[in-house]
Amino acid sequence: MSYECKHLRNTFCDKRKKECDPGAPGCVLFGKFAFPLKDADNSGRGKEPRAK
């Protein structure tokens, strides 16, 4: 998967103030896409996207 994020600087997320972790809470991709290869860690990643 490929995407561009205005908050990404090298591997650091300026929005979350942490290393980039696509789909994590606080990420602009959170709840918009499913990340089936991510480990299930109760963060909501890896689940189906929320219905609008």
Foldseek 3Di string as FASTA:
>chain_A
DDDDDPQDDPQAGVQVRGGDDPQAPRHPCPLVQEDCVDDDDPRNHNDHRDDD
